[in-house]
Amino acid sequence: MNEELKFNPVDKFPAKVEGEQFSRTVLLYDKDLDNFDLGYYDFELQKWQGMGGFQIDVICWSYIPVPNELQVSGFDSVTID
């Protein structure tokens, strides 16, 4: 799924993963806009959770953009170990 890149306030929650108590993974943005983290909203705990293991003061979030095949068809890939 590839939504238009849109920034949402933290009181609006991302789509819930079907059959789970948490949202889809999103990008969480720090209030100073100089840092971001991957994260999700935990509907059971009713709070945002970051995945980076560091403190972040979240001001907004966005869905992670997913390129379509035509956008990246000429790109080379690299393996990360």
N, C-alpha and C. Protein backbone atom coordinates (compact mmCIF):
# COMPACT_ATOMS: atom_id res chain seq x y z
N MET A 1 0.85 -1.17 0.00
CA MET A 1 0.00 0.00 0.00
C MET A 1 0.89 1.24 0.00
N ASN A 2 0.58 2.20 -0.84
CA ASN A 2 1.42 3.38 -0.96
C ASN A 2 0.58 4.64 -0.87
N GLU A 3 0.36 5.14 0.34
CA GLU A 3 -0.38 6.37 0.53
C GLU A 3 0.49 7.55 0.12
N GLU A 4 -0.16 8.63 -0.25
CA GLU A 4 0.56 9.88 -0.51
C GLU A 4 1.26 10.28 0.79
N LEU A 5 2.51 10.78 0.68
CA LEU A 5 3.24 11.17 1.87
C LEU A 5 2.50 12.31 2.54
N LYS A 6 1.99 12.05 3.73
CA LYS A 6 1.17 12.99 4.47
C LYS A 6 1.57 12.89 5.93
N PHE A 7 1.67 14.02 6.60
CA PHE A 7 2.05 14.04 8.01
C PHE A 7 0.80 14.16 8.86
N ASN A 8 0.73 13.32 9.89
CA ASN A 8 -0.46 13.24 10.74
C ASN A 8 -0.12 13.58 12.18
N PRO A 9 -1.04 14.21 12.91
CA PRO A 9 -0.80 14.50 14.32
C PRO A 9 -0.84 13.20 15.14
N VAL A 10 -0.24 13.23 16.31
CA VAL A 10 -0.15 12.01 17.13
C VAL A 10 -1.49 11.59 17.74
N ASP A 11 -2.50 12.46 17.68
CA ASP A 11 -3.81 12.06 18.18
C ASP A 11 -4.67 11.39 17.09
N LYS A 12 -4.10 11.25 15.90
CA LYS A 12 -4.72 10.46 14.83
C LYS A 12 -3.86 9.22 14.66
N PHE A 13 -4.49 8.04 14.69
CA PHE A 13 -3.72 6.81 14.72
C PHE A 13 -3.67 6.13 13.35
N PRO A 14 -2.56 5.43 13.07
CA PRO A 14 -2.44 4.69 11.81
C PRO A 14 -3.38 3.49 11.77
N ALA A 15 -3.52 2.92 10.60
CA ALA A 15 -4.36 1.74 10.42
C ALA A 15 -3.86 0.59 11.29
N LYS A 16 -4.79 -0.11 11.89
CA LYS A 16 -4.48 -1.25 12.74
C LYS A 16 -4.16 -2.47 11.87
N VAL A 17 -3.18 -3.27 12.28
CA VAL A 17 -2.87 -4.52 11.60
C VAL A 17 -4.00 -5.50 11.91
N GLU A 18 -4.57 -6.10 10.87
CA GLU A 18 -5.70 -7.00 11.05
C GLU A 18 -5.36 -8.14 12.01
N GLY A 19 -6.21 -8.34 13.02
CA GLY A 19 -6.03 -9.41 13.99
C GLY A 19 -5.01 -9.12 15.07
N GLU A 20 -4.46 -7.91 15.10
CA GLU A 20 -3.44 -7.54 16.09
C GLU A 20 -3.90 -6.32 16.88
N GLN A 21 -3.16 -6.00 17.93
CA GLN A 21 -3.48 -4.84 18.77
C GLN A 21 -2.53 -3.68 18.52
N PHE A 22 -1.90 -3.64 17.35
CA PHE A 22 -0.97 -2.56 17.03
C PHE A 22 -1.17 -2.10 15.59
N SER A 23 -0.64 -0.93 15.30
CA SER A 23 -0.80 -0.34 13.97
C SER A 23 0.27 -0.84 13.01
N ARG A 24 0.12 -0.43 11.78
CA ARG A 24 1.19 -0.62 10.79
C ARG A 24 2.41 0.16 11.24
N THR A 25 3.58 -0.24 10.78
CA THR A 25 4.81 0.49 11.07
C THR A 25 4.79 1.81 10.32
N VAL A 26 5.18 2.88 11.03
CA VAL A 26 5.19 4.23 10.46
C VAL A 26 6.50 4.92 10.80
N LEU A 27 6.71 6.09 10.20
CA LEU A 27 7.83 6.96 10.57
C LEU A 27 7.33 7.93 11.63
N LEU A 28 8.02 7.98 12.77
CA LEU A 28 7.70 8.92 13.84
C LEU A 28 8.71 10.05 13.80
N TYR A 29 8.24 11.29 13.84
CA TYR A 29 9.12 12.46 13.74
C TYR A 29 9.23 13.17 15.08
N ASP A 30 10.47 13.52 15.45
CA ASP A 30 10.75 14.25 16.68
C ASP A 30 10.22 15.67 16.58
N LYS A 31 9.86 16.27 17.72
CA LYS A 31 9.29 17.62 17.73
C LYS A 31 10.22 18.66 17.13
N ASP A 32 11.53 18.44 17.17
CA ASP A 32 12.48 19.38 16.58
C ASP A 32 12.70 19.12 15.08
N LEU A 33 12.07 18.06 14.57
CA LEU A 33 12.13 17.67 13.16
C LEU A 33 13.54 17.34 12.69
N ASP A 34 14.45 17.07 13.65
CA ASP A 34 15.83 16.72 13.29
C ASP A 34 16.11 15.24 13.50
N ASN A 35 15.09 14.47 13.87
CA ASN A 35 15.27 13.06 14.15
C ASN A 35 13.97 12.33 13.84
N PHE A 36 14.08 11.07 13.48
CA PHE A 36 12.89 10.25 13.26
C PHE A 36 13.21 8.81 13.63
N ASP A 37 12.18 8.02 13.77
CA ASP A 37 12.33 6.62 14.16
C ASP A 37 11.20 5.83 13.51
N LEU A 38 11.42 4.55 13.34
CA LEU A 38 10.33 3.66 12.97
C LEU A 38 9.54 3.38 14.24
N GLY A 39 8.25 3.24 14.11
CA GLY A 39 7.44 2.97 15.29
C GLY A 39 6.04 2.54 14.90
N TYR A 40 5.19 2.43 15.92
CA TYR A 40 3.81 2.00 15.72
C TYR A 40 2.99 2.46 16.91
N TYR A 41 1.67 2.39 16.76
CA TYR A 41 0.79 2.70 17.89
C TYR A 41 0.28 1.39 18.46
N ASP A 42 0.42 1.23 19.78
CA ASP A 42 -0.04 0.03 20.48
C ASP A 42 -1.44 0.34 21.02
N PHE A 43 -2.46 -0.24 20.43
CA PHE A 43 -3.84 0.04 20.82
C PHE A 43 -4.19 -0.55 22.18
N GLU A 44 -3.53 -1.63 22.56
CA GLU A 44 -3.78 -2.24 23.87
C GLU A 44 -3.22 -1.36 24.98
N LEU A 45 -1.99 -0.88 24.83
CA LEU A 45 -1.36 -0.01 25.83
C LEU A 45 -1.77 1.46 25.65
N GLN A 46 -2.37 1.78 24.52
CA GLN A 46 -2.78 3.13 24.16
C GLN A 46 -1.62 4.11 24.21
N LYS A 47 -0.52 3.71 23.52
CA LYS A 47 0.62 4.61 23.44
C LYS A 47 1.48 4.29 22.22
N TRP A 48 2.25 5.29 21.82
CA TRP A 48 3.19 5.14 20.71
C TRP A 48 4.42 4.38 21.18
N GLN A 49 4.96 3.54 20.30
CA GLN A 49 6.16 2.77 20.60
C GLN A 49 7.18 3.00 19.49
N GLY A 50 8.40 3.38 19.87
CA GLY A 50 9.49 3.52 18.90
C GLY A 50 10.28 2.23 18.83
N MET A 51 10.95 1.99 17.73
CA MET A 51 11.72 0.76 17.55
C MET A 51 13.22 0.98 17.70
N GLY A 52 13.65 2.24 17.78
CA GLY A 52 15.07 2.55 17.79
C GLY A 52 15.75 2.43 19.13
N GLY A 53 14.99 2.29 20.20
CA GLY A 53 15.58 2.13 21.52
C GLY A 53 16.08 3.42 22.14
N PHE A 54 15.64 4.57 21.62
CA PHE A 54 16.03 5.85 22.21
C PHE A 54 14.78 6.70 22.40
N GLN A 55 14.90 7.68 23.29
CA GLN A 55 13.76 8.56 23.59
C GLN A 55 13.53 9.53 22.43
N ILE A 56 12.27 9.73 22.11
CA ILE A 56 11.90 10.66 21.05
C ILE A 56 10.60 11.35 21.47
N ASP A 57 10.53 12.66 21.30
CA ASP A 57 9.32 13.43 21.57
C ASP A 57 8.57 13.57 20.25
N VAL A 58 7.62 12.67 20.04
CA VAL A 58 6.95 12.57 18.74
C VAL A 58 5.94 13.70 18.56
N ILE A 59 6.06 14.38 17.42
CA ILE A 59 5.11 15.44 17.08
C ILE A 59 4.16 15.03 15.96
N CYS A 60 4.64 14.15 15.07
CA CYS A 60 3.79 13.70 13.97
C CYS A 60 4.32 12.38 13.43
N TRP A 61 3.55 11.78 12.54
CA TRP A 61 3.93 10.51 11.94
C TRP A 61 3.48 10.49 10.48
N SER A 62 4.06 9.57 9.71
CA SER A 62 3.63 9.36 8.33
C SER A 62 3.80 7.88 7.99
N TYR A 63 2.98 7.43 7.05
CA TYR A 63 3.18 6.08 6.54
C TYR A 63 4.51 6.05 5.79
N ILE A 64 5.14 4.89 5.74
CA ILE A 64 6.41 4.72 5.05
C ILE A 64 6.13 4.63 3.55
N PRO A 65 6.74 5.51 2.76
CA PRO A 65 6.49 5.44 1.31
C PRO A 65 7.10 4.16 0.72
N VAL A 66 6.38 3.55 -0.19
CA VAL A 66 6.83 2.33 -0.84
C VAL A 66 6.92 2.61 -2.34
N PRO A 67 8.13 2.52 -2.94
CA PRO A 67 8.26 2.80 -4.37
C PRO A 67 7.59 1.71 -5.19
N ASN A 68 7.08 2.11 -6.35
CA ASN A 68 6.54 1.08 -7.23
C ASN A 68 7.66 0.59 -8.15
N GLU A 69 7.43 -0.52 -8.79
CA GLU A 69 8.46 -1.19 -9.59
C GLU A 69 9.01 -0.29 -10.70
N LEU A 70 8.16 0.51 -11.32
CA LEU A 70 8.61 1.40 -12.39
C LEU A 70 9.58 2.47 -11.88
N GLN A 71 9.39 2.92 -10.65
CA GLN A 71 10.24 3.96 -10.09
C GLN A 71 11.67 3.47 -9.86
N VAL A 72 11.85 2.19 -9.62
CA VAL A 72 13.17 1.67 -9.25
C VAL A 72 13.71 0.63 -10.23
N SER A 73 13.06 0.46 -11.36
CA SER A 73 13.43 -0.62 -12.28
C SER A 73 14.87 -0.52 -12.79
N GLY A 74 15.45 0.66 -12.89
CA GLY A 74 16.82 0.81 -13.38
C GLY A 74 17.87 0.87 -12.30
N PHE A 75 17.49 0.70 -11.06
CA PHE A 75 18.42 0.81 -9.94
C PHE A 75 19.16 -0.50 -9.70
N ASP A 76 20.42 -0.41 -9.27
CA ASP A 76 21.17 -1.57 -8.81
C ASP A 76 20.94 -1.73 -7.32
N SER A 77 21.01 -2.96 -6.84
CA SER A 77 20.86 -3.21 -5.40
C SER A 77 22.21 -3.58 -4.80
N VAL A 78 22.33 -3.42 -3.49
CA VAL A 78 23.51 -3.84 -2.75
C VAL A 78 23.05 -4.70 -1.58
N THR A 79 23.88 -5.65 -1.19
CA THR A 79 23.58 -6.51 -0.06
C THR A 79 24.20 -5.94 1.20
N ILE A 80 23.41 -5.85 2.26
CA ILE A 80 23.89 -5.37 3.55
C ILE A 80 23.96 -6.58 4.48
N ASP A 81 25.14 -6.83 5.01
CA ASP A 81 25.32 -7.97 5.93
C ASP A 81 25.05 -7.57 7.35
